[in-house]
């Protein structure tokens, strides 16, 4: 199914199943609850979200 990125509005193909391109990525981001899910992200926006999540995790890590 062709849809639009929830963040940048770029066109993307979403299969809404385990066969979707995004399901081949590592599970780095939590899936939002259905009532907060704003839709699919394109590869570029999903990659940016991965980076933000990675930085956030590093900032939360206690110093040793």
Protein backbone atom coordinates (compact mmCIF):
# COMPACT_ATOMS: atom_id res chain seq x y z
CA UNK A 1 0.00 0.00 0.00
CA UNK A 2 1.39 3.40 -0.90
CA UNK A 3 1.16 5.92 1.90
CA UNK A 4 2.92 9.05 3.11
CA UNK A 5 5.53 9.47 5.83
CA UNK A 6 3.94 10.73 9.04
CA UNK A 7 6.86 13.10 9.59
CA UNK A 8 7.92 14.52 6.18
CA UNK A 9 5.02 13.46 3.92
CA UNK A 10 7.32 11.62 1.48
CA UNK A 11 5.67 8.76 -0.42
CA UNK A 12 6.53 5.27 0.81
CA UNK A 13 5.44 1.69 0.42
CA UNK A 14 3.97 0.17 3.59
CA UNK A 15 3.03 -3.50 3.63
CA UNK A 16 1.63 -3.31 7.18
CA UNK A 17 2.92 -6.82 7.85
CA UNK A 18 6.05 -8.78 8.69
CA UNK A 19 7.00 -8.47 4.99
CA UNK A 20 7.37 -4.66 5.19
CA UNK A 21 10.84 -3.19 4.62
CA UNK A 22 10.86 -1.68 8.13
CA UNK A 23 10.49 -5.10 9.75
CA UNK A 24 13.94 -6.02 8.45
CA UNK A 25 15.49 -3.33 10.68
CA UNK A 26 16.63 -4.01 14.24
CA UNK A 27 13.99 -3.36 16.92
CA UNK A 28 15.55 -0.13 18.22
CA UNK A 29 12.43 1.97 18.76
CA UNK A 30 9.41 1.13 20.86
CA UNK A 31 6.19 0.78 18.92
CA UNK A 32 3.86 3.53 20.08
CA UNK A 33 0.46 2.60 21.47
CA UNK A 34 -2.24 2.54 18.82
CA UNK A 35 -3.88 5.71 20.15
CA UNK A 36 -0.55 7.58 19.80
CA UNK A 37 0.61 6.02 16.54
CA UNK A 38 0.77 8.76 13.92
CA UNK A 39 1.67 6.42 11.05
CA UNK A 40 4.63 5.00 9.18
CA UNK A 41 7.95 6.78 8.71
CA UNK A 42 9.98 6.79 5.50
CA UNK A 43 13.48 5.25 5.58
CA UNK A 44 15.16 8.67 6.08
CA UNK A 45 12.87 9.73 8.96
CA UNK A 46 13.10 6.31 10.60
CA UNK A 47 16.92 6.48 10.41
CA UNK A 48 16.80 9.94 12.02
CA UNK A 49 14.54 8.61 14.77
CA UNK A 50 17.05 5.78 15.38
CA UNK A 51 19.83 8.36 15.83
CA UNK A 52 17.78 10.48 18.24
CA UNK A 53 16.93 7.35 20.24
CA UNK A 54 20.60 6.30 20.32
CA UNK A 55 21.67 9.75 21.61
CA UNK A 56 18.89 9.70 24.22
CA UNK A 57 20.04 6.28 25.46
CA UNK A 58 23.63 7.51 25.74
CA UNK A 59 22.53 10.56 27.71
CA UNK A 60 20.55 8.35 30.11
CA UNK A 61 23.46 5.98 30.74
CA UNK A 62 24.99 6.55 34.20
CA UNK A 63 28.66 7.44 34.30
CA UNK A 64 30.99 4.81 35.70
